[in-house]
Amino acid sequence: IPSEDFDRIFERFYRVDKSRSKATG
């Protein structure tokens, strides 16, 4: 996870890799 995303990782609907997340359900 990129360090700039640490504060948002627990937000709702937030994804680090959106394409991978949707592809894997």
PDBML (XML) file of the C-alpha atoms, coordinates in Angstrom:
<?xml version="1.0" encoding="UTF-8" ?>
<PDBx:datablock datablockName="MODEL"
   xmlns:PDBx="http://pdbml.pdb.org/schema/pdbx-v50.xsd"
   xmlns:xsi="http://www.w3.org/2001/XMLSchema-instance"
   xsi:schemaLocation="http://pdbml.pdb.org/schema/pdbx-v50.xsd pdbx-v50.xsd">
   <PDBx:atom_siteCategory>
      <PDBx:atom_site id="1">
         <PDBx:B_iso_or_equiv>0.00</PDBx:B_iso_or_equiv>
         <PDBx:Cartn_x>0.000</PDBx:Cartn_x>
         <PDBx:Cartn_y>0.000</PDBx:Cartn_y>
         <PDBx:Cartn_z>0.000</PDBx:Cartn_z>
         <PDBx:auth_asym_id>A</PDBx:auth_asym_id>
         <PDBx:auth_atom_id>CA</PDBx:auth_atom_id>
         <PDBx:auth_comp_id>ILE</PDBx:auth_comp_id>
         <PDBx:auth_seq_id>1</PDBx:auth_seq_id>
         <PDBx:group_PDB>ATOM</PDBx:group_PDB>
         <PDBx:label_alt_id xsi:nil="true" />
         <PDBx:label_asym_id>A</PDBx:label_asym_id>
         <PDBx:label_atom_id>CA</PDBx:label_atom_id>
         <PDBx:label_comp_id>ILE</PDBx:label_comp_id>
         <PDBx:label_entity_id>1</PDBx:label_entity_id>
         <PDBx:label_seq_id>1</PDBx:label_seq_id>
         <PDBx:occupancy>1.00</PDBx:occupancy>
         <PDBx:pdbx_PDB_model_num>1</PDBx:pdbx_PDB_model_num>
         <PDBx:type_symbol>C</PDBx:type_symbol>
      </PDBx:atom_site>
      <PDBx:atom_site id="2">
         <PDBx:B_iso_or_equiv>0.00</PDBx:B_iso_or_equiv>
         <PDBx:Cartn_x>1.413</PDBx:Cartn_x>
         <PDBx:Cartn_y>3.434</PDBx:Cartn_y>
         <PDBx:Cartn_z>-0.875</PDBx:Cartn_z>
         <PDBx:auth_asym_id>A</PDBx:auth_asym_id>
         <PDBx:auth_atom_id>CA</PDBx:auth_atom_id>
         <PDBx:auth_comp_id>PRO</PDBx:auth_comp_id>
         <PDBx:auth_seq_id>2</PDBx:auth_seq_id>
         <PDBx:group_PDB>ATOM</PDBx:group_PDB>
         <PDBx:label_alt_id xsi:nil="true" />
         <PDBx:label_asym_id>A</PDBx:label_asym_id>
         <PDBx:label_atom_id>CA</PDBx:label_atom_id>
         <PDBx:label_comp_id>PRO</PDBx:label_comp_id>
         <PDBx:label_entity_id>1</PDBx:label_entity_id>
         <PDBx:label_seq_id>2</PDBx:label_seq_id>
         <PDBx:occupancy>1.00</PDBx:occupancy>
         <PDBx:pdbx_PDB_model_num>1</PDBx:pdbx_PDB_model_num>
         <PDBx:type_symbol>C</PDBx:type_symbol>
      </PDBx:atom_site>
      <PDBx:atom_site id="3">
         <PDBx:B_iso_or_equiv>0.00</PDBx:B_iso_or_equiv>
         <PDBx:Cartn_x>2.207</PDBx:Cartn_x>
         <PDBx:Cartn_y>5.481</PDBx:Cartn_y>
         <PDBx:Cartn_z>2.260</PDBx:Cartn_z>
         <PDBx:auth_asym_id>A</PDBx:auth_asym_id>
         <PDBx:auth_atom_id>CA</PDBx:auth_atom_id>
         <PDBx:auth_comp_id>SER</PDBx:auth_comp_id>
         <PDBx:auth_seq_id>3</PDBx:auth_seq_id>
         <PDBx:group_PDB>ATOM</PDBx:group_PDB>
         <PDBx:label_alt_id xsi:nil="true" />
         <PDBx:label_asym_id>A</PDBx:label_asym_id>
         <PDBx:label_atom_id>CA</PDBx:label_atom_id>
         <PDBx:label_comp_id>SER</PDBx:label_comp_id>
         <PDBx:label_entity_id>1</PDBx:label_entity_id>
         <PDBx:label_seq_id>3</PDBx:label_seq_id>
         <PDBx:occupancy>1.00</PDBx:occupancy>
         <PDBx:pdbx_PDB_model_num>1</PDBx:pdbx_PDB_model_num>
         <PDBx:type_symbol>C</PDBx:type_symbol>
      </PDBx:atom_site>
      <PDBx:atom_site id="4">
         <PDBx:B_iso_or_equiv>0.00</PDBx:B_iso_or_equiv>
         <PDBx:Cartn_x>-0.059</PDBx:Cartn_x>
         <PDBx:Cartn_y>8.304</PDBx:Cartn_y>
         <PDBx:Cartn_z>1.094</PDBx:Cartn_z>
         <PDBx:auth_asym_id>A</PDBx:auth_asym_id>
         <PDBx:auth_atom_id>CA</PDBx:auth_atom_id>
         <PDBx:auth_comp_id>GLU</PDBx:auth_comp_id>
         <PDBx:auth_seq_id>4</PDBx:auth_seq_id>
         <PDBx:group_PDB>ATOM</PDBx:group_PDB>
         <PDBx:label_alt_id xsi:nil="true" />
         <PDBx:label_asym_id>A</PDBx:label_asym_id>
         <PDBx:label_atom_id>CA</PDBx:label_atom_id>
         <PDBx:label_comp_id>GLU</PDBx:label_comp_id>
         <PDBx:label_entity_id>1</PDBx:label_entity_id>
         <PDBx:label_seq_id>4</PDBx:label_seq_id>
         <PDBx:occupancy>1.00</PDBx:occupancy>
         <PDBx:pdbx_PDB_model_num>1</PDBx:pdbx_PDB_model_num>
         <PDBx:type_symbol>C</PDBx:type_symbol>
      </PDBx:atom_site>
      <PDBx:atom_site id="5">
         <PDBx:B_iso_or_equiv>0.00</PDBx:B_iso_or_equiv>
         <PDBx:Cartn_x>-3.010</PDBx:Cartn_x>
         <PDBx:Cartn_y>5.890</PDBx:Cartn_y>
         <PDBx:Cartn_z>1.262</PDBx:Cartn_z>
         <PDBx:auth_asym_id>A</PDBx:auth_asym_id>
         <PDBx:auth_atom_id>CA</PDBx:auth_atom_id>
         <PDBx:auth_comp_id>ASP</PDBx:auth_comp_id>
         <PDBx:auth_seq_id>5</PDBx:auth_seq_id>
         <PDBx:group_PDB>ATOM</PDBx:group_PDB>
         <PDBx:label_alt_id xsi:nil="true" />
         <PDBx:label_asym_id>A</PDBx:label_asym_id>
         <PDBx:label_atom_id>CA</PDBx:label_atom_id>
         <PDBx:label_comp_id>ASP</PDBx:label_comp_id>
         <PDBx:label_entity_id>1</PDBx:label_entity_id>
         <PDBx:label_seq_id>5</PDBx:label_seq_id>
         <PDBx:occupancy>1.00</PDBx:occupancy>
         <PDBx:pdbx_PDB_model_num>1</PDBx:pdbx_PDB_model_num>
         <PDBx:type_symbol>C</PDBx:type_symbol>
      </PDBx:atom_site>
      <PDBx:atom_site id="6">
         <PDBx:B_iso_or_equiv>0.00</PDBx:B_iso_or_equiv>
         <PDBx:Cartn_x>-2.453</PDBx:Cartn_x>
         <PDBx:Cartn_y>4.817</PDBx:Cartn_y>
         <PDBx:Cartn_z>4.891</PDBx:Cartn_z>
         <PDBx:auth_asym_id>A</PDBx:auth_asym_id>
         <PDBx:auth_atom_id>CA</PDBx:auth_atom_id>
         <PDBx:auth_comp_id>PHE</PDBx:auth_comp_id>
         <PDBx:auth_seq_id>6</PDBx:auth_seq_id>
         <PDBx:group_PDB>ATOM</PDBx:group_PDB>
         <PDBx:label_alt_id xsi:nil="true" />
         <PDBx:label_asym_id>A</PDBx:label_asym_id>
         <PDBx:label_atom_id>CA</PDBx:label_atom_id>
         <PDBx:label_comp_id>PHE</PDBx:label_comp_id>
         <PDBx:label_entity_id>1</PDBx:label_entity_id>
         <PDBx:label_seq_id>6</PDBx:label_seq_id>
         <PDBx:occupancy>1.00</PDBx:occupancy>
         <PDBx:pdbx_PDB_model_num>1</PDBx:pdbx_PDB_model_num>
         <PDBx:type_symbol>C</PDBx:type_symbol>
      </PDBx:atom_site>
      <PDBx:atom_site id="7">
         <PDBx:B_iso_or_equiv>0.00</PDBx:B_iso_or_equiv>
         <PDBx:Cartn_x>-4.974</PDBx:Cartn_x>
         <PDBx:Cartn_y>7.338</PDBx:Cartn_y>
         <PDBx:Cartn_z>6.284</PDBx:Cartn_z>
         <PDBx:auth_asym_id>A</PDBx:auth_asym_id>
         <PDBx:auth_atom_id>CA</PDBx:auth_atom_id>
         <PDBx:auth_comp_id>ASP</PDBx:auth_comp_id>
         <PDBx:auth_seq_id>7</PDBx:auth_seq_id>
         <PDBx:group_PDB>ATOM</PDBx:group_PDB>
         <PDBx:label_alt_id xsi:nil="true" />
         <PDBx:label_asym_id>A</PDBx:label_asym_id>
         <PDBx:label_atom_id>CA</PDBx:label_atom_id>
         <PDBx:label_comp_id>ASP</PDBx:label_comp_id>
         <PDBx:label_entity_id>1</PDBx:label_entity_id>
         <PDBx:label_seq_id>7</PDBx:label_seq_id>
         <PDBx:occupancy>1.00</PDBx:occupancy>
         <PDBx:pdbx_PDB_model_num>1</PDBx:pdbx_PDB_model_num>
         <PDBx:type_symbol>C</PDBx:type_symbol>
      </PDBx:atom_site>
      <PDBx:atom_site id="8">
         <PDBx:B_iso_or_equiv>0.00</PDBx:B_iso_or_equiv>
         <PDBx:Cartn_x>-7.686</PDBx:Cartn_x>
         <PDBx:Cartn_y>6.252</PDBx:Cartn_y>
         <PDBx:Cartn_z>3.849</PDBx:Cartn_z>
         <PDBx:auth_asym_id>A</PDBx:auth_asym_id>
         <PDBx:auth_atom_id>CA</PDBx:auth_atom_id>
         <PDBx:auth_comp_id>ARG</PDBx:auth_comp_id>
         <PDBx:auth_seq_id>8</PDBx:auth_seq_id>
         <PDBx:group_PDB>ATOM</PDBx:group_PDB>
         <PDBx:label_alt_id xsi:nil="true" />
         <PDBx:label_asym_id>A</PDBx:label_asym_id>
         <PDBx:label_atom_id>CA</PDBx:label_atom_id>
         <PDBx:label_comp_id>ARG</PDBx:label_comp_id>
         <PDBx:label_entity_id>1</PDBx:label_entity_id>
         <PDBx:label_seq_id>8</PDBx:label_seq_id>
         <PDBx:occupancy>1.00</PDBx:occupancy>
         <PDBx:pdbx_PDB_model_num>1</PDBx:pdbx_PDB_model_num>
         <PDBx:type_symbol>C</PDBx:type_symbol>
      </PDBx:atom_site>
      <PDBx:atom_site id="9">
         <PDBx:B_iso_or_equiv>0.00</PDBx:B_iso_or_equiv>
         <PDBx:Cartn_x>-7.264</PDBx:Cartn_x>
         <PDBx:Cartn_y>2.503</PDBx:Cartn_y>
         <PDBx:Cartn_z>3.820</PDBx:Cartn_z>
         <PDBx:auth_asym_id>A</PDBx:auth_asym_id>
         <PDBx:auth_atom_id>CA</PDBx:auth_atom_id>
         <PDBx:auth_comp_id>ILE</PDBx:auth_comp_id>
         <PDBx:auth_seq_id>9</PDBx:auth_seq_id>
         <PDBx:group_PDB>ATOM</PDBx:group_PDB>
         <PDBx:label_alt_id xsi:nil="true" />
         <PDBx:label_asym_id>A</PDBx:label_asym_id>
         <PDBx:label_atom_id>CA</PDBx:label_atom_id>
         <PDBx:label_comp_id>ILE</PDBx:label_comp_id>
         <PDBx:label_entity_id>1</PDBx:label_entity_id>
         <PDBx:label_seq_id>9</PDBx:label_seq_id>
         <PDBx:occupancy>1.00</PDBx:occupancy>
         <PDBx:pdbx_PDB_model_num>1</PDBx:pdbx_PDB_model_num>
         <PDBx:type_symbol>C</PDBx:type_symbol>
      </PDBx:atom_site>
      <PDBx:atom_site id="10">
         <PDBx:B_iso_or_equiv>0.00</PDBx:B_iso_or_equiv>
         <PDBx:Cartn_x>-10.089</PDBx:Cartn_x>
         <PDBx:Cartn_y>2.004</PDBx:Cartn_y>
         <PDBx:Cartn_z>6.361</PDBx:Cartn_z>
         <PDBx:auth_asym_id>A</PDBx:auth_asym_id>
         <PDBx:auth_atom_id>CA</PDBx:auth_atom_id>
         <PDBx:auth_comp_id>PHE</PDBx:auth_comp_id>
         <PDBx:auth_seq_id>10</PDBx:auth_seq_id>
         <PDBx:group_PDB>ATOM</PDBx:group_PDB>
         <PDBx:label_alt_id xsi:nil="true" />
         <PDBx:label_asym_id>A</PDBx:label_asym_id>
         <PDBx:label_atom_id>CA</PDBx:label_atom_id>
         <PDBx:label_comp_id>PHE</PDBx:label_comp_id>
         <PDBx:label_entity_id>1</PDBx:label_entity_id>
         <PDBx:label_seq_id>10</PDBx:label_seq_id>
         <PDBx:occupancy>1.00</PDBx:occupancy>
         <PDBx:pdbx_PDB_model_num>1</PDBx:pdbx_PDB_model_num>
         <PDBx:type_symbol>C</PDBx:type_symbol>
      </PDBx:atom_site>
      <PDBx:atom_site id="11">
         <PDBx:B_iso_or_equiv>0.00</PDBx:B_iso_or_equiv>
         <PDBx:Cartn_x>-12.540</PDBx:Cartn_x>
         <PDBx:Cartn_y>4.291</PDBx:Cartn_y>
         <PDBx:Cartn_z>4.528</PDBx:Cartn_z>
         <PDBx:auth_asym_id>A</PDBx:auth_asym_id>
         <PDBx:auth_atom_id>CA</PDBx:auth_atom_id>
         <PDBx:auth_comp_id>GLU</PDBx:auth_comp_id>
         <PDBx:auth_seq_id>11</PDBx:auth_seq_id>
         <PDBx:group_PDB>ATOM</PDBx:group_PDB>
         <PDBx:label_alt_id xsi:nil="true" />
         <PDBx:label_asym_id>A</PDBx:label_asym_id>
         <PDBx:label_atom_id>CA</PDBx:label_atom_id>
         <PDBx:label_comp_id>GLU</PDBx:label_comp_id>
         <PDBx:label_entity_id>1</PDBx:label_entity_id>
         <PDBx:label_seq_id>11</PDBx:label_seq_id>
         <PDBx:occupancy>1.00</PDBx:occupancy>
         <PDBx:pdbx_PDB_model_num>1</PDBx:pdbx_PDB_model_num>
         <PDBx:type_symbol>C</PDBx:type_symbol>
      </PDBx:atom_site>
      <PDBx:atom_site id="12">
         <PDBx:B_iso_or_equiv>0.00</PDBx:B_iso_or_equiv>
         <PDBx:Cartn_x>-15.637</PDBx:Cartn_x>
         <PDBx:Cartn_y>2.736</PDBx:Cartn_y>
         <PDBx:Cartn_z>3.047</PDBx:Cartn_z>
         <PDBx:auth_asym_id>A</PDBx:auth_asym_id>
         <PDBx:auth_atom_id>CA</PDBx:auth_atom_id>
         <PDBx:auth_comp_id>ARG</PDBx:auth_comp_id>
         <PDBx:auth_seq_id>12</PDBx:auth_seq_id>
         <PDBx:group_PDB>ATOM</PDBx:group_PDB>
         <PDBx:label_alt_id xsi:nil="true" />
         <PDBx:label_asym_id>A</PDBx:label_asym_id>
         <PDBx:label_atom_id>CA</PDBx:label_atom_id>
         <PDBx:label_comp_id>ARG</PDBx:label_comp_id>
         <PDBx:label_entity_id>1</PDBx:label_entity_id>
         <PDBx:label_seq_id>12</PDBx:label_seq_id>
         <PDBx:occupancy>1.00</PDBx:occupancy>
         <PDBx:pdbx_PDB_model_num>1</PDBx:pdbx_PDB_model_num>
         <PDBx:type_symbol>C</PDBx:type_symbol>
      </PDBx:atom_site>
      <PDBx:atom_site id="13">
         <PDBx:B_iso_or_equiv>0.00</PDBx:B_iso_or_equiv>
         <PDBx:Cartn_x>-15.387</PDBx:Cartn_x>
         <PDBx:Cartn_y>1.687</PDBx:Cartn_y>
         <PDBx:Cartn_z>-0.592</PDBx:Cartn_z>
         <PDBx:auth_asym_id>A</PDBx:auth_asym_id>
         <PDBx:auth_atom_id>CA</PDBx:auth_atom_id>
         <PDBx:auth_comp_id>PHE</PDBx:auth_comp_id>
         <PDBx:auth_seq_id>13</PDBx:auth_seq_id>
         <PDBx:group_PDB>ATOM</PDBx:group_PDB>
         <PDBx:label_alt_id xsi:nil="true" />
         <PDBx:label_asym_id>A</PDBx:label_asym_id>
         <PDBx:label_atom_id>CA</PDBx:label_atom_id>
         <PDBx:label_comp_id>PHE</PDBx:label_comp_id>
         <PDBx:label_entity_id>1</PDBx:label_entity_id>
         <PDBx:label_seq_id>13</PDBx:label_seq_id>
         <PDBx:occupancy>1.00</PDBx:occupancy>
         <PDBx:pdbx_PDB_model_num>1</PDBx:pdbx_PDB_model_num>
         <PDBx:type_symbol>C</PDBx:type_symbol>
      </PDBx:atom_site>
      <PDBx:atom_site id="14">
         <PDBx:B_iso_or_equiv>0.00</PDBx:B_iso_or_equiv>
         <PDBx:Cartn_x>-11.737</PDBx:Cartn_x>
         <PDBx:Cartn_y>2.736</PDBx:Cartn_y>
         <PDBx:Cartn_z>-0.720</PDBx:Cartn_z>
         <PDBx:auth_asym_id>A</PDBx:auth_asym_id>
         <PDBx:auth_atom_id>CA</PDBx:auth_atom_id>
         <PDBx:auth_comp_id>TYR</PDBx:auth_comp_id>
         <PDBx:auth_seq_id>14</PDBx:auth_seq_id>
         <PDBx:group_PDB>ATOM</PDBx:group_PDB>
         <PDBx:label_alt_id xsi:nil="true" />
         <PDBx:label_asym_id>A</PDBx:label_asym_id>
         <PDBx:label_atom_id>CA</PDBx:label_atom_id>
         <PDBx:label_comp_id>TYR</PDBx:label_comp_id>
         <PDBx:label_entity_id>1</PDBx:label_entity_id>
         <PDBx:label_seq_id>14</PDBx:label_seq_id>
         <PDBx:occupancy>1.00</PDBx:occupancy>
         <PDBx:pdbx_PDB_model_num>1</PDBx:pdbx_PDB_model_num>
         <PDBx:type_symbol>C</PDBx:type_symbol>
      </PDBx:atom_site>
      <PDBx:atom_site id="15">
         <PDBx:B_iso_or_equiv>0.00</PDBx:B_iso_or_equiv>
         <PDBx:Cartn_x>-9.525</PDBx:Cartn_x>
         <PDBx:Cartn_y>0.444</PDBx:Cartn_y>
         <PDBx:Cartn_z>-2.766</PDBx:Cartn_z>
         <PDBx:auth_asym_id>A</PDBx:auth_asym_id>
         <PDBx:auth_atom_id>CA</PDBx:auth_atom_id>
         <PDBx:auth_comp_id>ARG</PDBx:auth_comp_id>
         <PDBx:auth_seq_id>15</PDBx:auth_seq_id>
         <PDBx:group_PDB>ATOM</PDBx:group_PDB>
         <PDBx:label_alt_id xsi:nil="true" />
         <PDBx:label_asym_id>A</PDBx:label_asym_id>
         <PDBx:label_atom_id>CA</PDBx:label_atom_id>
         <PDBx:label_comp_id>ARG</PDBx:label_comp_id>
         <PDBx:label_entity_id>1</PDBx:label_entity_id>
         <PDBx:label_seq_id>15</PDBx:label_seq_id>
         <PDBx:occupancy>1.00</PDBx:occupancy>
         <PDBx:pdbx_PDB_model_num>1</PDBx:pdbx_PDB_model_num>
         <PDBx:type_symbol>C</PDBx:type_symbol>
      </PDBx:atom_site>
      <PDBx:atom_site id="16">
         <PDBx:B_iso_or_equiv>0.00</PDBx:B_iso_or_equiv>
         <PDBx:Cartn_x>-5.794</PDBx:Cartn_x>
         <PDBx:Cartn_y>0.610</PDBx:Cartn_y>
         <PDBx:Cartn_z>-3.365</PDBx:Cartn_z>
         <PDBx:auth_asym_id>A</PDBx:auth_asym_id>
         <PDBx:auth_atom_id>CA</PDBx:auth_atom_id>
         <PDBx:auth_comp_id>VAL</PDBx:auth_comp_id>
         <PDBx:auth_seq_id>16</PDBx:auth_seq_id>
         <PDBx:group_PDB>ATOM</PDBx:group_PDB>
         <PDBx:label_alt_id xsi:nil="true" />
         <PDBx:label_asym_id>A</PDBx:label_asym_id>
         <PDBx:label_atom_id>CA</PDBx:label_atom_id>
         <PDBx:label_comp_id>VAL</PDBx:label_comp_id>
         <PDBx:label_entity_id>1</PDBx:label_entity_id>
         <PDBx:label_seq_id>16</PDBx:label_seq_id>
         <PDBx:occupancy>1.00</PDBx:occupancy>
         <PDBx:pdbx_PDB_model_num>1</PDBx:pdbx_PDB_model_num>
         <PDBx:type_symbol>C</PDBx:type_symbol>
      </PDBx:atom_site>
      <PDBx:atom_site id="17">
         <PDBx:B_iso_or_equiv>0.00</PDBx:B_iso_or_equiv>
         <PDBx:Cartn_x>-6.055</PDBx:Cartn_x>
         <PDBx:Cartn_y>-1.340</PDBx:Cartn_y>
         <PDBx:Cartn_z>-6.620</PDBx:Cartn_z>
         <PDBx:auth_asym_id>A</PDBx:auth_asym_id>
         <PDBx:auth_atom_id>CA</PDBx:auth_atom_id>
         <PDBx:auth_comp_id>ASP</PDBx:auth_comp_id>
         <PDBx:auth_seq_id>17</PDBx:auth_seq_id>
         <PDBx:group_PDB>ATOM</PDBx:group_PDB>
         <PDBx:label_alt_id xsi:nil="true" />
         <PDBx:label_asym_id>A</PDBx:label_asym_id>
         <PDBx:label_atom_id>CA</PDBx:label_atom_id>
         <PDBx:label_comp_id>ASP</PDBx:label_comp_id>
         <PDBx:label_entity_id>1</PDBx:label_entity_id>
         <PDBx:label_seq_id>17</PDBx:label_seq_id>
         <PDBx:occupancy>1.00</PDBx:occupancy>
         <PDBx:pdbx_PDB_model_num>1</PDBx:pdbx_PDB_model_num>
         <PDBx:type_symbol>C</PDBx:type_symbol>
      </PDBx:atom_site>
      <PDBx:atom_site id="18">
         <PDBx:B_iso_or_equiv>0.00</PDBx:B_iso_or_equiv>
         <PDBx:Cartn_x>-9.594</PDBx:Cartn_x>
         <PDBx:Cartn_y>-0.854</PDBx:Cartn_y>
         <PDBx:Cartn_z>-7.915</PDBx:Cartn_z>
         <PDBx:auth_asym_id>A</PDBx:auth_asym_id>
         <PDBx:auth_atom_id>CA</PDBx:auth_atom_id>
         <PDBx:auth_comp_id>LYS</PDBx:auth_comp_id>
         <PDBx:auth_seq_id>18</PDBx:auth_seq_id>
         <PDBx:group_PDB>ATOM</PDBx:group_PDB>
         <PDBx:label_alt_id xsi:nil="true" />
         <PDBx:label_asym_id>A</PDBx:label_asym_id>
         <PDBx:label_atom_id>CA</PDBx:label_atom_id>
         <PDBx:label_comp_id>LYS</PDBx:label_comp_id>
         <PDBx:label_entity_id>1</PDBx:label_entity_id>
         <PDBx:label_seq_id>18</PDBx:label_seq_id>
         <PDBx:occupancy>1.00</PDBx:occupancy>
         <PDBx:pdbx_PDB_model_num>1</PDBx:pdbx_PDB_model_num>
         <PDBx:type_symbol>C</PDBx:type_symbol>
      </PDBx:atom_site>
      <PDBx:atom_site id="19">
         <PDBx:B_iso_or_equiv>0.00</PDBx:B_iso_or_equiv>
         <PDBx:Cartn_x>-9.254</PDBx:Cartn_x>
         <PDBx:Cartn_y>-3.066</PDBx:Cartn_y>
         <PDBx:Cartn_z>-10.952</PDBx:Cartn_z>
         <PDBx:auth_asym_id>A</PDBx:auth_asym_id>
         <PDBx:auth_atom_id>CA</PDBx:auth_atom_id>
         <PDBx:auth_comp_id>SER</PDBx:auth_comp_id>
         <PDBx:auth_seq_id>19</PDBx:auth_seq_id>
         <PDBx:group_PDB>ATOM</PDBx:group_PDB>
         <PDBx:label_alt_id xsi:nil="true" />
         <PDBx:label_asym_id>A</PDBx:label_asym_id>
         <PDBx:label_atom_id>CA</PDBx:label_atom_id>
         <PDBx:label_comp_id>SER</PDBx:label_comp_id>
         <PDBx:label_entity_id>1</PDBx:label_entity_id>
         <PDBx:label_seq_id>19</PDBx:label_seq_id>
         <PDBx:occupancy>1.00</PDBx:occupancy>
         <PDBx:pdbx_PDB_model_num>1</PDBx:pdbx_PDB_model_num>
         <PDBx:type_symbol>C</PDBx:type_symbol>
      </PDBx:atom_site>
      <PDBx:atom_site id="20">
         <PDBx:B_iso_or_equiv>0.00</PDBx:B_iso_or_equiv>
         <PDBx:Cartn_x>-7.881</PDBx:Cartn_x>
         <PDBx:Cartn_y>-5.998</PDBx:Cartn_y>
         <PDBx:Cartn_z>-8.951</PDBx:Cartn_z>
         <PDBx:auth_asym_id>A</PDBx:auth_asym_id>
         <PDBx:auth_atom_id>CA</PDBx:auth_atom_id>
         <PDBx:auth_comp_id>ARG</PDBx:auth_comp_id>
         <PDBx:auth_seq_id>20</PDBx:auth_seq_id>
         <PDBx:group_PDB>ATOM</PDBx:group_PDB>
         <PDBx:label_alt_id xsi:nil="true" />
         <PDBx:label_asym_id>A</PDBx:label_asym_id>
         <PDBx:label_atom_id>CA</PDBx:label_atom_id>
         <PDBx:label_comp_id>ARG</PDBx:label_comp_id>
         <PDBx:label_entity_id>1</PDBx:label_entity_id>
         <PDBx:label_seq_id>20</PDBx:label_seq_id>
         <PDBx:occupancy>1.00</PDBx:occupancy>
         <PDBx:pdbx_PDB_model_num>1</PDBx:pdbx_PDB_model_num>
         <PDBx:type_symbol>C</PDBx:type_symbol>
      </PDBx:atom_site>
      <PDBx:atom_site id="21">
         <PDBx:B_iso_or_equiv>0.00</PDBx:B_iso_or_equiv>
         <PDBx:Cartn_x>-10.460</PDBx:Cartn_x>
         <PDBx:Cartn_y>-5.569</PDBx:Cartn_y>
         <PDBx:Cartn_z>-6.189</PDBx:Cartn_z>
         <PDBx:auth_asym_id>A</PDBx:auth_asym_id>
         <PDBx:auth_atom_id>CA</PDBx:auth_atom_id>
         <PDBx:auth_comp_id>SER</PDBx:auth_comp_id>
         <PDBx:auth_seq_id>21</PDBx:auth_seq_id>
         <PDBx:group_PDB>ATOM</PDBx:group_PDB>
         <PDBx:label_alt_id xsi:nil="true" />
         <PDBx:label_asym_id>A</PDBx:label_asym_id>
         <PDBx:label_atom_id>CA</PDBx:label_atom_id>
         <PDBx:label_comp_id>SER</PDBx:label_comp_id>
         <PDBx:label_entity_id>1</PDBx:label_entity_id>
         <PDBx:label_seq_id>21</PDBx:label_seq_id>
         <PDBx:occupancy>1.00</PDBx:occupancy>
         <PDBx:pdbx_PDB_model_num>1</PDBx:pdbx_PDB_model_num>
         <PDBx:type_symbol>C</PDBx:type_symbol>
      </PDBx:atom_site>
      <PDBx:atom_site id="22">
         <PDBx:B_iso_or_equiv>0.00</PDBx:B_iso_or_equiv>
         <PDBx:Cartn_x>-13.423</PDBx:Cartn_x>
         <PDBx:Cartn_y>-5.676</PDBx:Cartn_y>
         <PDBx:Cartn_z>-8.544</PDBx:Cartn_z>
         <PDBx:auth_asym_id>A</PDBx:auth_asym_id>
         <PDBx:auth_atom_id>CA</PDBx:auth_atom_id>
         <PDBx:auth_comp_id>LYS</PDBx:auth_comp_id>
         <PDBx:auth_seq_id>22</PDBx:auth_seq_id>
         <PDBx:group_PDB>ATOM</PDBx:group_PDB>
         <PDBx:label_alt_id xsi:nil="true" />
         <PDBx:label_asym_id>A</PDBx:label_asym_id>
         <PDBx:label_atom_id>CA</PDBx:label_atom_id>
         <PDBx:label_comp_id>LYS</PDBx:label_comp_id>
         <PDBx:label_entity_id>1</PDBx:label_entity_id>
         <PDBx:label_seq_id>22</PDBx:label_seq_id>
         <PDBx:occupancy>1.00</PDBx:occupancy>
         <PDBx:pdbx_PDB_model_num>1</PDBx:pdbx_PDB_model_num>
         <PDBx:type_symbol>C</PDBx:type_symbol>
      </PDBx:atom_site>
      <PDBx:atom_site id="23">
         <PDBx:B_iso_or_equiv>0.00</PDBx:B_iso_or_equiv>
         <PDBx:Cartn_x>-11.937</PDBx:Cartn_x>
         <PDBx:Cartn_y>-8.525</PDBx:Cartn_y>
         <PDBx:Cartn_z>-10.556</PDBx:Cartn_z>
         <PDBx:auth_asym_id>A</PDBx:auth_asym_id>
         <PDBx:auth_atom_id>CA</PDBx:auth_atom_id>
         <PDBx:auth_comp_id>ALA</PDBx:auth_comp_id>
         <PDBx:auth_seq_id>23</PDBx:auth_seq_id>
         <PDBx:group_PDB>ATOM</PDBx:group_PDB>
         <PDBx:label_alt_id xsi:nil="true" />
         <PDBx:label_asym_id>A</PDBx:label_asym_id>
         <PDBx:label_atom_id>CA</PDBx:label_atom_id>
         <PDBx:label_comp_id>ALA</PDBx:label_comp_id>
         <PDBx:label_entity_id>1</PDBx:label_entity_id>
         <PDBx:label_seq_id>23</PDBx:label_seq_id>
         <PDBx:occupancy>1.00</PDBx:occupancy>
         <PDBx:pdbx_PDB_model_num>1</PDBx:pdbx_PDB_model_num>
         <PDBx:type_symbol>C</PDBx:type_symbol>
      </PDBx:atom_site>
      <PDBx:atom_site id="24">
         <PDBx:B_iso_or_equiv>0.00</PDBx:B_iso_or_equiv>
         <PDBx:Cartn_x>-11.549</PDBx:Cartn_x>
         <PDBx:Cartn_y>-10.633</PDBx:Cartn_y>
         <PDBx:Cartn_z>-7.423</PDBx:Cartn_z>
         <PDBx:auth_asym_id>A</PDBx:auth_asym_id>
         <PDBx:auth_atom_id>CA</PDBx:auth_atom_id>
         <PDBx:auth_comp_id>THR</PDBx:auth_comp_id>
         <PDBx:auth_seq_id>24</PDBx:auth_seq_id>
         <PDBx:group_PDB>ATOM</PDBx:group_PDB>
         <PDBx:label_alt_id xsi:nil="true" />
         <PDBx:label_asym_id>A</PDBx:label_asym_id>
         <PDBx:label_atom_id>CA</PDBx:label_atom_id>
         <PDBx:label_comp_id>THR</PDBx:label_comp_id>
         <PDBx:label_entity_id>1</PDBx:label_entity_id>
         <PDBx:label_seq_id>24</PDBx:label_seq_id>
         <PDBx:occupancy>1.00</PDBx:occupancy>
         <PDBx:pdbx_PDB_model_num>1</PDBx:pdbx_PDB_model_num>
         <PDBx:type_symbol>C</PDBx:type_symbol>
      </PDBx:atom_site>
      <PDBx:atom_site id="25">
         <PDBx:B_iso_or_equiv>0.00</PDBx:B_iso_or_equiv>
         <PDBx:Cartn_x>-14.947</PDBx:Cartn_x>
         <PDBx:Cartn_y>-9.738</PDBx:Cartn_y>
         <PDBx:Cartn_z>-5.926</PDBx:Cartn_z>
         <PDBx:auth_asym_id>A</PDBx:auth_asym_id>
         <PDBx:auth_atom_id>CA</PDBx:auth_atom_id>
         <PDBx:auth_comp_id>GLY</PDBx:auth_comp_id>
         <PDBx:auth_seq_id>25</PDBx:auth_seq_id>
         <PDBx:group_PDB>ATOM</PDBx:group_PDB>
         <PDBx:label_alt_id xsi:nil="true" />
         <PDBx:label_asym_id>A</PDBx:label_asym_id>
         <PDBx:label_atom_id>CA</PDBx:label_atom_id>
         <PDBx:label_comp_id>GLY</PDBx:label_comp_id>
         <PDBx:label_entity_id>1</PDBx:label_entity_id>
         <PDBx:label_seq_id>25</PDBx:label_seq_id>
         <PDBx:occupancy>1.00</PDBx:occupancy>
         <PDBx:pdbx_PDB_model_num>1</PDBx:pdbx_PDB_model_num>
         <PDBx:type_symbol>C</PDBx:type_symbol>
      </PDBx:atom_site>
   </PDBx:atom_siteCategory>
</PDBx:datablock>
